[in-house]
Amino acid sequence: MTAALPTGILVSALLKRVNDAGGMGMVRARGDAESGAILLILNEAPDVSRVMERALDPMGKPKLVPAGPNDPPDIAARETYWRKRRERDPDLWVIELDIASAERFAAETICDG
């Protein structure tokens, strides 16, 4: 059994990969460096934005699952959603990625690691 990497290291690796590929990644809210949950705002193209969360499947393997509002272009709803989540969970990391294939970058970095 392998030990899980701390959340802070996963987030740093994700931001570095996205930035190295010409995209932009930003920490909207910093959570617990050891074990905080990760909520992602994925902006893959103009008017194409989704909210996803790192979760565990039934076998304990990390995966990305949809979260938040169902209307991706509704920026106000997305902002309200993550801010309310953060109020309930101050350990939550909120990361915004602006890059094509944002979901792929995130899954490869914070789920497949």
PDB file of N, CA and C in Angstrom:
ATOM      1  N   MET A   1       0.845  -1.176   0.000  1.00  0.00           N
ATOM      2  CA  MET A   1       0.000   0.000   0.000  1.00  0.00           C
ATOM      3  C   MET A   1       0.890   1.239   0.000  1.00  0.00           C
ATOM      4  N   THR A   2       0.581   2.208  -0.859  1.00  0.00           N
ATOM      5  CA  THR A   2       1.381   3.418  -0.923  1.00  0.00           C
ATOM      6  C   THR A   2       0.694   4.524  -0.129  1.00  0.00           C
ATOM      7  N   ALA A   3       1.512   5.364   0.465  1.00  0.00           N
ATOM      8  CA  ALA A   3       0.967   6.482   1.229  1.00  0.00           C
ATOM      9  C   ALA A   3       0.516   7.575   0.268  1.00  0.00           C
ATOM     10  N   ALA A   4      -0.568   8.220   0.600  1.00  0.00           N
ATOM     11  CA  ALA A   4      -1.076   9.315  -0.224  1.00  0.00           C
ATOM     12  C   ALA A   4      -0.201  10.545  -0.033  1.00  0.00           C
ATOM     13  N   LEU A   5       0.029  11.253  -1.126  1.00  0.00           N
ATOM     14  CA  LEU A   5       0.785  12.493  -1.037  1.00  0.00           C
ATOM     15  C   LEU A   5      -0.057  13.562  -0.363  1.00  0.00           C
ATOM     16  N   PRO A   6       0.577  14.453   0.384  1.00  0.00           N
ATOM     17  CA  PRO A   6      -0.175  15.548   0.997  1.00  0.00           C
ATOM     18  C   PRO A   6      -0.833  16.425  -0.071  1.00  0.00           C
ATOM     19  N   THR A   7      -1.984  16.975   0.265  1.00  0.00           N
ATOM     20  CA  THR A   7      -2.742  17.787  -0.680  1.00  0.00           C
ATOM     21  C   THR A   7      -1.929  18.962  -1.201  1.00  0.00           C
ATOM     22  N   GLY A   8      -1.174  19.621  -0.345  1.00  0.00           N
ATOM     23  CA  GLY A   8      -0.369  20.767  -0.775  1.00  0.00           C
ATOM     24  C   GLY A   8       0.607  20.407  -1.881  1.00  0.00           C
ATOM     25  N   ILE A   9       1.188  19.220  -1.817  1.00  0.00           N
ATOM     26  CA  ILE A   9       2.127  18.771  -2.859  1.00  0.00           C
ATOM     27  C   ILE A   9       1.377  18.477  -4.150  1.00  0.00           C
ATOM     28  N   LEU A  10       0.212  17.837  -4.048  1.00  0.00           N
ATOM     29  CA  LEU A  10      -0.594  17.567  -5.245  1.00  0.00           C
ATOM     30  C   LEU A  10      -0.990  18.865  -5.949  1.00  0.00           C
ATOM     31  N   VAL A  11      -1.421  19.851  -5.173  1.00  0.00           N
ATOM     32  CA  VAL A  11      -1.823  21.136  -5.747  1.00  0.00           C
ATOM     33  C   VAL A  11      -0.626  21.818  -6.409  1.00  0.00           C
ATOM     34  N   SER A  12       0.514  21.821  -5.756  1.00  0.00           N
ATOM     35  CA  SER A  12       1.718  22.433  -6.344  1.00  0.00           C
ATOM     36  C   SER A  12       2.094  21.768  -7.654  1.00  0.00           C
ATOM     37  N   ALA A  13       2.038  20.445  -7.692  1.00  0.00           N
ATOM     38  CA  ALA A  13       2.371  19.710  -8.918  1.00  0.00           C
ATOM     39  C   ALA A  13       1.388  20.050 -10.036  1.00  0.00           C
ATOM     40  N   LEU A  14       0.108  20.122  -9.702  1.00  0.00           N
ATOM     41  CA  LEU A  14      -0.903  20.453 -10.702  1.00  0.00           C
ATOM     42  C   LEU A  14      -0.680  21.851 -11.269  1.00  0.00           C
ATOM     43  N   LEU A  15      -0.461  22.821 -10.409  1.00  0.00           N
ATOM     44  CA  LEU A  15      -0.240  24.192 -10.873  1.00  0.00           C
ATOM     45  C   LEU A  15       1.009  24.287 -11.743  1.00  0.00           C
ATOM     46  N   LYS A  16       2.052  23.587 -11.365  1.00  0.00           N
ATOM     47  CA  LYS A  16       3.293  23.605 -12.156  1.00  0.00           C
ATOM     48  C   LYS A  16       3.070  22.992 -13.531  1.00  0.00           C
ATOM     49  N   ARG A  17       2.400  21.853 -13.584  1.00  0.00           N
ATOM     50  CA  ARG A  17       2.129  21.214 -14.883  1.00  0.00           C
ATOM     51  C   ARG A  17       1.305  22.114 -15.791  1.00  0.00           C
ATOM     52  N   VAL A  18       0.267  22.713 -15.251  1.00  0.00           N
ATOM     53  CA  VAL A  18      -0.596  23.590 -16.054  1.00  0.00           C
ATOM     54  C   VAL A  18       0.195  24.805 -16.542  1.00  0.00           C
ATOM     55  N   ASN A  19       0.950  25.425 -15.655  1.00  0.00           N
ATOM     56  CA  ASN A  19       1.739  26.588 -16.051  1.00  0.00           C
ATOM     57  C   ASN A  19       2.815  26.213 -17.065  1.00  0.00           C
ATOM     58  N   ASP A  20       3.464  25.065 -16.898  1.00  0.00           N
ATOM     59  CA  ASP A  20       4.485  24.612 -17.855  1.00  0.00           C
ATOM     60  C   ASP A  20       3.891  24.342 -19.229  1.00  0.00           C
ATOM     61  N   ALA A  21       2.616  23.992 -19.282  1.00  0.00           N
ATOM     62  CA  ALA A  21       1.946  23.707 -20.557  1.00  0.00           C
ATOM     63  C   ALA A  21       1.352  24.968 -21.194  1.00  0.00           C
ATOM     64  N   GLY A  22       1.586  26.125 -20.587  1.00  0.00           N
ATOM     65  CA  GLY A  22       1.098  27.370 -21.166  1.00  0.00           C
ATOM     66  C   GLY A  22      -0.242  27.832 -20.646  1.00  0.00           C
ATOM     67  N   GLY A  23      -0.788  27.116 -19.686  1.00  0.00           N
ATOM     68  CA  GLY A  23      -2.060  27.516 -19.094  1.00  0.00           C
ATOM     69  C   GLY A  23      -1.819  28.346 -17.847  1.00  0.00           C
ATOM     70  N   MET A  24      -2.886  28.575 -17.127  1.00  0.00           N
ATOM     71  CA  MET A  24      -2.780  29.341 -15.898  1.00  0.00           C
ATOM     72  C   MET A  24      -3.570  28.627 -14.810  1.00  0.00           C
ATOM     73  N   GLY A  25      -2.941  28.481 -13.673  1.00  0.00           N
ATOM     74  CA  GLY A  25      -3.597  27.892 -12.521  1.00  0.00           C
ATOM     75  C   GLY A  25      -3.514  28.845 -11.347  1.00  0.00           C
ATOM     76  N   MET A  26      -4.573  28.871 -10.553  1.00  0.00           N
ATOM     77  CA  MET A  26      -4.630  29.807  -9.446  1.00  0.00           C
ATOM     78  C   MET A  26      -5.287  29.145  -8.246  1.00  0.00           C
ATOM     79  N   VAL A  27      -4.736  29.405  -7.076  1.00  0.00           N
ATOM     80  CA  VAL A  27      -5.341  28.944  -5.835  1.00  0.00           C
ATOM     81  C   VAL A  27      -6.361  30.000  -5.422  1.00  0.00           C
ATOM     82  N   ARG A  28      -7.635  29.658  -5.454  1.00  0.00           N
ATOM     83  CA  ARG A  28      -8.697  30.582  -5.036  1.00  0.00           C
ATOM     84  C   ARG A  28      -8.858  30.540  -3.518  1.00  0.00           C
ATOM     85  N   ALA A  29      -8.585  29.364  -2.915  1.00  0.00           N
ATOM     86  CA  ALA A  29      -8.635  29.224  -1.460  1.00  0.00           C
ATOM     87  C   ALA A  29      -7.676  28.107  -1.067  1.00  0.00           C
ATOM     88  N   ARG A  30      -6.858  28.385  -0.086  1.00  0.00           N
ATOM     89  CA  ARG A  30      -5.873  27.406   0.389  1.00  0.00           C
ATOM     90  C   ARG A  30      -6.483  26.621   1.544  1.00  0.00           C
ATOM     91  N   GLY A  31      -6.387  25.309   1.440  1.00  0.00           N
ATOM     92  CA  GLY A  31      -6.930  24.437   2.471  1.00  0.00           C
ATOM     93  C   GLY A  31      -5.840  23.803   3.305  1.00  0.00           C
ATOM     94  N   ASP A  32      -6.182  22.726   3.969  1.00  0.00           N
ATOM     95  CA  ASP A  32      -5.229  22.008   4.799  1.00  0.00           C
ATOM     96  C   ASP A  32      -4.153  21.374   3.925  1.00  0.00           C
ATOM     97  N   ALA A  33      -2.902  21.647   4.237  1.00  0.00           N
ATOM     98  CA  ALA A  33      -1.779  21.187   3.411  1.00  0.00           C
ATOM     99  C   ALA A  33      -1.605  19.672   3.425  1.00  0.00           C
ATOM    100  N   GLU A  34      -2.084  19.025   4.463  1.00  0.00           N
ATOM    101  CA  GLU A  34      -1.893  17.583   4.566  1.00  0.00           C
ATOM    102  C   GLU A  34      -3.029  16.777   3.953  1.00  0.00           C
ATOM    103  N   SER A  35      -4.266  17.167   4.268  1.00  0.00           N
ATOM    104  CA  SER A  35      -5.371  16.292   3.872  1.00  0.00           C
ATOM    105  C   SER A  35      -6.627  17.023   3.408  1.00  0.00           C
ATOM    106  N   GLY A  36      -6.506  18.264   2.996  1.00  0.00           N
ATOM    107  CA  GLY A  36      -7.681  18.996   2.541  1.00  0.00           C
ATOM    108  C   GLY A  36      -8.257  18.431   1.255  1.00  0.00           C
ATOM    109  N   ALA A  37      -9.552  18.553   1.093  1.00  0.00           N
ATOM    110  CA  ALA A  37     -10.212  18.146  -0.149  1.00  0.00           C
ATOM    111  C   ALA A  37      -9.864  19.170  -1.240  1.00  0.00           C
ATOM    112  N   ILE A  38     -10.035  18.758  -2.513  1.00  0.00           N
ATOM    113  CA  ILE A  38      -9.708  19.633  -3.641  1.00  0.00           C
ATOM    114  C   ILE A  38     -10.947  19.817  -4.509  1.00  0.00           C
ATOM    115  N   LEU A  39     -11.346  21.075  -4.682  1.00  0.00           N
ATOM    116  CA  LEU A  39     -12.425  21.456  -5.578  1.00  0.00           C
ATOM    117  C   LEU A  39     -11.795  22.218  -6.736  1.00  0.00           C
ATOM    118  N   LEU A  40     -12.127  21.826  -7.954  1.00  0.00           N
ATOM    119  CA  LEU A  40     -11.515  22.411  -9.147  1.00  0.00           C
ATOM    120  C   LEU A  40     -12.532  23.188  -9.969  1.00  0.00           C
ATOM    121  N   ILE A  41     -12.144  24.360 -10.395  1.00  0.00           N
ATOM    122  CA  ILE A  41     -12.903  25.120 -11.383  1.00  0.00           C
ATOM    123  C   ILE A  41     -12.111  24.989 -12.675  1.00  0.00           C
ATOM    124  N   LEU A  42     -12.688  24.297 -13.646  1.00  0.00           N
ATOM    125  CA  LEU A  42     -11.976  23.971 -14.882  1.00  0.00           C
ATOM    126  C   LEU A  42     -12.517  24.817 -16.027  1.00  0.00           C
ATOM    127  N   ASN A  43     -11.699  25.743 -16.500  1.00  0.00           N
ATOM    128  CA  ASN A  43     -12.050  26.612 -17.621  1.00  0.00           C
ATOM    129  C   ASN A  43     -11.261  26.128 -18.833  1.00  0.00           C
ATOM    130  N   GLU A  44     -11.933  25.408 -19.726  1.00  0.00           N
ATOM    131  CA  GLU A  44     -11.233  24.796 -20.859  1.00  0.00           C
ATOM    132  C   GLU A  44     -11.329  25.613 -22.137  1.00  0.00           C
ATOM    133  N   ALA A  45     -12.301  26.500 -22.212  1.00  0.00           N
ATOM    134  CA  ALA A  45     -12.498  27.358 -23.378  1.00  0.00           C
ATOM    135  C   ALA A  45     -13.472  28.458 -22.960  1.00  0.00           C
ATOM    136  N   PRO A  46     -13.606  29.512 -23.773  1.00  0.00           N
ATOM    137  CA  PRO A  46     -14.590  30.536 -23.414  1.00  0.00           C
ATOM    138  C   PRO A  46     -15.981  29.906 -23.249  1.00  0.00           C
ATOM    139  N   ASP A  47     -16.632  30.232 -22.174  1.00  0.00           N
ATOM    140  CA  ASP A  47     -17.969  29.722 -21.843  1.00  0.00           C
ATOM    141  C   ASP A  47     -18.022  28.212 -21.618  1.00  0.00           C
ATOM    142  N   VAL A  48     -16.885  27.580 -21.410  1.00  0.00           N
ATOM    143  CA  VAL A  48     -16.845  26.152 -21.077  1.00  0.00           C
ATOM    144  C   VAL A  48     -16.118  26.036 -19.734  1.00  0.00           C
ATOM    145  N   SER A  49     -16.900  25.949 -18.686  1.00  0.00           N
ATOM    146  CA  SER A  49     -16.355  25.890 -17.338  1.00  0.00           C
ATOM    147  C   SER A  49     -17.149  24.865 -16.544  1.00  0.00           C
ATOM    148  N   ARG A  50     -16.432  24.070 -15.763  1.00  0.00           N
ATOM    149  CA  ARG A  50     -17.092  23.058 -14.928  1.00  0.00           C
ATOM    150  C   ARG A  50     -16.461  23.070 -13.550  1.00  0.00           C
ATOM    151  N   VAL A  51     -17.198  22.573 -12.592  1.00  0.00           N
ATOM    152  CA  VAL A  51     -16.672  22.399 -11.249  1.00  0.00           C
ATOM    153  C   VAL A  51     -16.597  20.894 -11.003  1.00  0.00           C
ATOM    154  N   MET A  52     -15.429  20.449 -10.559  1.00  0.00           N
ATOM    155  CA  MET A  52     -15.234  19.032 -10.259  1.00  0.00           C
ATOM    156  C   MET A  52     -14.520  18.921  -8.920  1.00  0.00           C
ATOM    157  N   GLU A  53     -14.612  17.751  -8.354  1.00  0.00           N
ATOM    158  CA  GLU A  53     -14.027  17.528  -7.042  1.00  0.00           C
ATOM    159  C   GLU A  53     -13.262  16.214  -7.039  1.00  0.00           C
ATOM    160  N   ARG A  54     -12.174  16.198  -6.333  1.00  0.00           N
ATOM    161  CA  ARG A  54     -11.419  14.958  -6.161  1.00  0.00           C
ATOM    162  C   ARG A  54     -12.124  14.148  -5.079  1.00  0.00           C
ATOM    163  N   ALA A  55     -12.502  12.921  -5.430  1.00  0.00           N
ATOM    164  CA  ALA A  55     -13.213  12.043  -4.501  1.00  0.00           C
ATOM    165  C   ALA A  55     -12.618  10.648  -4.616  1.00  0.00           C
ATOM    166  N   LEU A  56     -13.021   9.775  -3.720  1.00  0.00           N
ATOM    167  CA  LEU A  56     -12.551   8.390  -3.752  1.00  0.00           C
ATOM    168  C   LEU A  56     -13.654   7.490  -4.291  1.00  0.00           C
ATOM    169  N   ASP A  57     -13.244   6.565  -5.173  1.00  0.00           N
ATOM    170  CA  ASP A  57     -14.220   5.596  -5.667  1.00  0.00           C
ATOM    171  C   ASP A  57     -14.388   4.499  -4.612  1.00  0.00           C
ATOM    172  N   PRO A  58     -15.279   3.531  -4.815  1.00  0.00           N
ATOM    173  CA  PRO A  58     -15.508   2.490  -3.801  1.00  0.00           C
ATOM    174  C   PRO A  58     -14.259   1.680  -3.442  1.00  0.00           C
ATOM    175  N   MET A  59     -13.278   1.656  -4.331  1.00  0.00           N
ATOM    176  CA  MET A  59     -12.037   0.918  -4.048  1.00  0.00           C
ATOM    177  C   MET A  59     -10.987   1.800  -3.365  1.00  0.00           C
ATOM    178  N   GLY A  60     -11.327   3.077  -3.111  1.00  0.00           N
ATOM    179  CA  GLY A  60     -10.401   3.988  -2.453  1.00  0.00           C
ATOM    180  C   GLY A  60      -9.456   4.706  -3.395  1.00  0.00           C
ATOM    181  N   LYS A  61      -9.698   4.583  -4.705  1.00  0.00           N
ATOM    182  CA  LYS A  61      -8.839   5.234  -5.693  1.00  0.00           C
ATOM    183  C   LYS A  61      -9.394   6.626  -5.998  1.00  0.00           C
ATOM    184  N   PRO A  62      -8.518   7.659  -6.024  1.00  0.00           N
ATOM    185  CA  PRO A  62      -9.006   9.008  -6.311  1.00  0.00           C
ATOM    186  C   PRO A  62      -9.519   9.141  -7.742  1.00  0.00           C
ATOM    187  N   LYS A  63     -10.582   9.932  -7.907  1.00  0.00           N
ATOM    188  CA  LYS A  63     -11.122  10.228  -9.229  1.00  0.00           C
ATOM    189  C   LYS A  63     -11.758  11.607  -9.168  1.00  0.00           C
ATOM    190  N   LEU A  64     -12.049  12.179 -10.330  1.00  0.00           N
ATOM    191  CA  LEU A  64     -12.741  13.460 -10.397  1.00  0.00           C
ATOM    192  C   LEU A  64     -14.219  13.221 -10.625  1.00  0.00           C
ATOM    193  N   VAL A  65     -15.044  13.930  -9.860  1.00  0.00           N
ATOM    194  CA  VAL A  65     -16.493  13.819 -10.004  1.00  0.00           C
ATOM    195  C   VAL A  65     -17.079  15.217 -10.178  1.00  0.00           C
ATOM    196  N   PRO A  66     -18.154  15.326 -10.947  1.00  0.00           N
ATOM    197  CA  PRO A  66     -18.799  16.637 -11.110  1.00  0.00           C
ATOM    198  C   PRO A  66     -19.319  17.156  -9.774  1.00  0.00           C
ATOM    199  N   ALA A  67     -19.268  18.469  -9.627  1.00  0.00           N
ATOM    200  CA  ALA A  67     -19.763  19.120  -8.414  1.00  0.00           C
ATOM    201  C   ALA A  67     -20.360  20.466  -8.810  1.00  0.00           C
ATOM    202  N   GLY A  68     -21.119  21.033  -7.914  1.00  0.00           N
ATOM    203  CA  GLY A  68     -21.593  22.390  -8.117  1.00  0.00           C
ATOM    204  C   GLY A  68     -22.763  22.540  -9.058  1.00  0.00           C
ATOM    205  N   PRO A  69     -22.970  23.783  -9.509  1.00  0.00           N
ATOM    206  CA  PRO A  69     -24.138  24.096 -10.339  1.00  0.00           C
ATOM    207  C   PRO A  69     -24.078  23.410 -11.703  1.00  0.00           C
ATOM    208  N   ASN A  70     -25.258  23.174 -12.270  1.00  0.00           N
ATOM    209  CA  ASN A  70     -25.344  22.496 -13.561  1.00  0.00           C
ATOM    210  C   ASN A  70     -25.236  23.438 -14.751  1.00  0.00           C
ATOM    211  N   ASP A  71     -25.199  24.748 -14.515  1.00  0.00           N
ATOM    212  CA  ASP A  71     -25.135  25.721 -15.603  1.00  0.00           C
ATOM    213  C   ASP A  71     -23.734  26.324 -15.642  1.00  0.00           C
ATOM    214  N   PRO A  72     -22.803  25.707 -16.385  1.00  0.00           N
ATOM    215  CA  PRO A  72     -21.404  26.142 -16.368  1.00  0.00           C
ATOM    216  C   PRO A  72     -21.168  27.623 -16.653  1.00  0.00           C
ATOM    217  N   PRO A  73     -21.898  28.261 -17.578  1.00  0.00           N
ATOM    218  CA  PRO A  73     -21.611  29.675 -17.811  1.00  0.00           C
ATOM    219  C   PRO A  73     -22.058  30.602 -16.676  1.00  0.00           C
ATOM    220  N   ASP A  74     -22.829  30.099 -15.726  1.00  0.00           N
ATOM    221  CA  ASP A  74     -23.320  30.932 -14.627  1.00  0.00           C
ATOM    222  C   ASP A  74     -22.214  31.118 -13.585  1.00  0.00           C
ATOM    223  N   ILE A  75     -21.401  32.128 -13.807  1.00  0.00           N
ATOM    224  CA  ILE A  75     -20.242  32.378 -12.950  1.00  0.00           C
ATOM    225  C   ILE A  75     -20.675  32.702 -11.528  1.00  0.00           C
ATOM    226  N   ALA A  76     -21.739  33.459 -11.370  1.00  0.00           N
ATOM    227  CA  ALA A  76     -22.204  33.827 -10.029  1.00  0.00           C
ATOM    228  C   ALA A  76     -22.603  32.586  -9.228  1.00  0.00           C
ATOM    229  N   ALA A  77     -23.297  31.655  -9.870  1.00  0.00           N
ATOM    230  CA  ALA A  77     -23.696  30.422  -9.178  1.00  0.00           C
ATOM    231  C   ALA A  77     -22.474  29.604  -8.791  1.00  0.00           C
ATOM    232  N   ARG A  78     -21.511  29.540  -9.674  1.00  0.00           N
ATOM    233  CA  ARG A  78     -20.270  28.799  -9.387  1.00  0.00           C
ATOM    234  C   ARG A  78     -19.540  29.420  -8.200  1.00  0.00           C
ATOM    235  N   GLU A  79     -19.424  30.743  -8.188  1.00  0.00           N
ATOM    236  CA  GLU A  79     -18.739  31.433  -7.091  1.00  0.00           C
ATOM    237  C   GLU A  79     -19.473  31.211  -5.770  1.00  0.00           C
ATOM    238  N   THR A  80     -20.784  31.335  -5.790  1.00  0.00           N
ATOM    239  CA  THR A  80     -21.585  31.116  -4.586  1.00  0.00           C
ATOM    240  C   THR A  80     -21.394  29.700  -4.080  1.00  0.00           C
ATOM    241  N   TYR A  81     -21.391  28.732  -5.014  1.00  0.00           N
ATOM    242  CA  TYR A  81     -21.242  27.330  -4.628  1.00  0.00           C
ATOM    243  C   TYR A  81     -19.927  27.091  -3.886  1.00  0.00           C
ATOM    244  N   TRP A  82     -18.797  27.509  -4.494  1.00  0.00           N
ATOM    245  CA  TRP A  82     -17.529  27.185  -3.844  1.00  0.00           C
ATOM    246  C   TRP A  82     -17.342  27.960  -2.548  1.00  0.00           C
ATOM    247  N   ARG A  83     -17.852  29.166  -2.485  1.00  0.00           N
ATOM    248  CA  ARG A  83     -17.716  29.933  -1.244  1.00  0.00           C
ATOM    249  C   ARG A  83     -18.529  29.301  -0.105  1.00  0.00           C
ATOM    250  N   LYS A  84     -19.716  28.795  -0.402  1.00  0.00           N
ATOM    251  CA  LYS A  84     -20.514  28.104   0.620  1.00  0.00           C
ATOM    252  C   LYS A  84     -19.827  26.811   1.049  1.00  0.00           C
ATOM    253  N   ARG A  85     -19.286  26.086   0.081  1.00  0.00           N
ATOM    254  CA  ARG A  85     -18.545  24.857   0.413  1.00  0.00           C
ATOM    255  C   ARG A  85     -17.380  25.175   1.337  1.00  0.00           C
ATOM    256  N   ARG A  86     -16.701  26.257   1.042  1.00  0.00           N
ATOM    257  CA  ARG A  86     -15.530  26.662   1.829  1.00  0.00           C
ATOM    258  C   ARG A  86     -15.942  27.076   3.251  1.00  0.00           C
ATOM    259  N   GLU A  87     -17.080  27.717   3.391  1.00  0.00           N
ATOM    260  CA  GLU A  87     -17.581  28.075   4.731  1.00  0.00           C
ATOM    261  C   GLU A  87     -17.803  26.828   5.572  1.00  0.00           C
ATOM    262  N   ARG A  88     -18.332  25.772   4.953  1.00  0.00           N
ATOM    263  CA  ARG A  88     -18.593  24.519   5.684  1.00  0.00           C
ATOM    264  C   ARG A  88     -17.331  23.699   5.898  1.00  0.00           C
ATOM    265  N   ASP A  89     -16.333  23.878   5.015  1.00  0.00           N
ATOM    266  CA  ASP A  89     -15.108  23.088   5.089  1.00  0.00           C
ATOM    267  C   ASP A  89     -13.893  23.995   4.892  1.00  0.00           C
ATOM    268  N   PRO A  90     -13.373  24.582   5.966  1.00  0.00           N
ATOM    269  CA  PRO A  90     -12.242  25.494   5.832  1.00  0.00           C
ATOM    270  C   PRO A  90     -10.948  24.802   5.378  1.00  0.00           C
ATOM    271  N   ASP A  91     -10.921  23.472   5.368  1.00  0.00           N
ATOM    272  CA  ASP A  91      -9.749  22.737   4.888  1.00  0.00           C
ATOM    273  C   ASP A  91      -9.768  22.539   3.372  1.00  0.00           C
ATOM    274  N   LEU A  92     -10.851  22.953   2.717  1.00  0.00           N
ATOM    275  CA  LEU A  92     -11.034  22.761   1.274  1.00  0.00           C
ATOM    276  C   LEU A  92     -10.105  23.662   0.466  1.00  0.00           C
ATOM    277  N   TRP A  93      -9.428  23.056  -0.508  1.00  0.00           N
ATOM    278  CA  TRP A  93      -8.658  23.811  -1.500  1.00  0.00           C
ATOM    279  C   TRP A  93      -9.591  24.099  -2.669  1.00  0.00           C
ATOM    280  N   VAL A  94      -9.537  25.314  -3.212  1.00  0.00           N
ATOM    281  CA  VAL A  94     -10.281  25.669  -4.414  1.00  0.00           C
ATOM    282  C   VAL A  94      -9.251  26.130  -5.434  1.00  0.00           C
ATOM    283  N   ILE A  95      -9.158  25.384  -6.526  1.00  0.00           N
ATOM    284  CA  ILE A  95      -8.151  25.628  -7.556  1.00  0.00           C
ATOM    285  C   ILE A  95      -8.859  25.924  -8.865  1.00  0.00           C
ATOM    286  N   GLU A  96      -8.442  26.981  -9.540  1.00  0.00           N
ATOM    287  CA  GLU A  96      -8.998  27.323 -10.842  1.00  0.00           C
ATOM    288  C   GLU A  96      -7.923  27.117 -11.902  1.00  0.00           C
ATOM    289  N   LEU A  97      -8.296  26.384 -12.958  1.00  0.00           N
ATOM    290  CA  LEU A  97      -7.377  26.102 -14.062  1.00  0.00           C
ATOM    291  C   LEU A  97      -7.937  26.663 -15.358  1.00  0.00           C
ATOM    292  N   ASP A  98      -7.111  27.390 -16.075  1.00  0.00           N
ATOM    293  CA  ASP A  98      -7.473  27.912 -17.394  1.00  0.00           C
ATOM    294  C   ASP A  98      -6.530  27.292 -18.416  1.00  0.00           C
ATOM    295  N   ILE A  99      -6.995  26.208 -19.038  1.00  0.00           N
ATOM    296  CA  ILE A  99      -6.184  25.508 -20.030  1.00  0.00           C
ATOM    297  C   ILE A  99      -7.085  24.515 -20.776  1.00  0.00           C
ATOM    298  N   ALA A 100      -6.786  24.295 -22.028  1.00  0.00           N
ATOM    299  CA  ALA A 100      -7.501  23.241 -22.759  1.00  0.00           C
ATOM    300  C   ALA A 100      -7.196  21.908 -22.084  1.00  0.00           C
ATOM    301  N   SER A 101      -8.140  21.020 -22.058  1.00  0.00           N
ATOM    302  CA  SER A 101      -7.984  19.699 -21.432  1.00  0.00           C
ATOM    303  C   SER A 101      -7.691  19.798 -19.938  1.00  0.00           C
ATOM    304  N   ALA A 102      -8.301  20.759 -19.282  1.00  0.00           N
ATOM    305  CA  ALA A 102      -8.059  20.965 -17.852  1.00  0.00           C
ATOM    306  C   ALA A 102      -8.384  19.721 -17.031  1.00  0.00           C
ATOM    307  N   GLU A 103      -9.462  19.036 -17.403  1.00  0.00           N
ATOM    308  CA  GLU A 103      -9.828  17.832 -16.649  1.00  0.00           C
ATOM    309  C   GLU A 103      -8.740  16.765 -16.762  1.00  0.00           C
ATOM    310  N   ARG A 104      -8.177  16.616 -17.946  1.00  0.00           N
ATOM    311  CA  ARG A 104      -7.097  15.638 -18.140  1.00  0.00           C
ATOM    312  C   ARG A 104      -5.888  15.983 -17.279  1.00  0.00           C
ATOM    313  N   PHE A 105      -5.465  17.258 -17.300  1.00  0.00           N
ATOM    314  CA  PHE A 105      -4.327  17.678 -16.475  1.00  0.00           C
ATOM    315  C   PHE A 105      -4.590  17.363 -15.009  1.00  0.00           C
ATOM    316  N   ALA A 106      -5.773  17.692 -14.551  1.00  0.00           N
ATOM    317  CA  ALA A 106      -6.103  17.459 -13.148  1.00  0.00           C
ATOM    318  C   ALA A 106      -6.119  15.974 -12.817  1.00  0.00           C
ATOM    319  N   ALA A 107      -6.784  15.190 -13.646  1.00  0.00           N
ATOM    320  CA  ALA A 107      -6.882  13.753 -13.362  1.00  0.00           C
ATOM    321  C   ALA A 107      -5.515  13.087 -13.373  1.00  0.00           C
ATOM    322  N   GLU A 108      -4.680  13.425 -14.330  1.00  0.00           N
ATOM    323  CA  GLU A 108      -3.355  12.824 -14.407  1.00  0.00           C
ATOM    324  C   GLU A 108      -2.487  13.201 -13.217  1.00  0.00           C
ATOM    325  N   THR A 109      -2.685  14.384 -12.684  1.00  0.00           N
ATOM    326  CA  THR A 109      -1.811  14.873 -11.618  1.00  0.00           C
ATOM    327  C   THR A 109      -2.317  14.517 -10.226  1.00  0.00           C
ATOM    328  N   ILE A 110      -3.599  14.716  -9.965  1.00  0.00           N
ATOM    329  CA  ILE A 110      -4.078  14.524  -8.597  1.00  0.00           C
ATOM    330  C   ILE A 110      -4.834  13.237  -8.367  1.00  0.00           C
ATOM    331  N   CYS A 111      -5.043  12.462  -9.441  1.00  0.00           N
ATOM    332  CA  CYS A 111      -5.748  11.187  -9.288  1.00  0.00           C
ATOM    333  C   CYS A 111      -4.881   9.989  -9.644  1.00  0.00           C
ATOM    334  N   ASP A 112      -4.058  10.125 -10.654  1.00  0.00           N
ATOM    335  CA  ASP A 112      -3.256   8.994 -11.113  1.00  0.00           C
ATOM    336  C   ASP A 112      -1.928   8.861 -10.381  1.00  0.00           C
ATOM    337  N   GLY A 113      -1.548   9.932  -9.656  1.00  0.00           N
ATOM    338  CA  GLY A 113      -0.247   9.975  -8.988  1.00  0.00           C
ATOM    339  C   GLY A 113      -0.052   8.820  -8.132  1.00  0.00           C
TER     340      GLY A 113
END
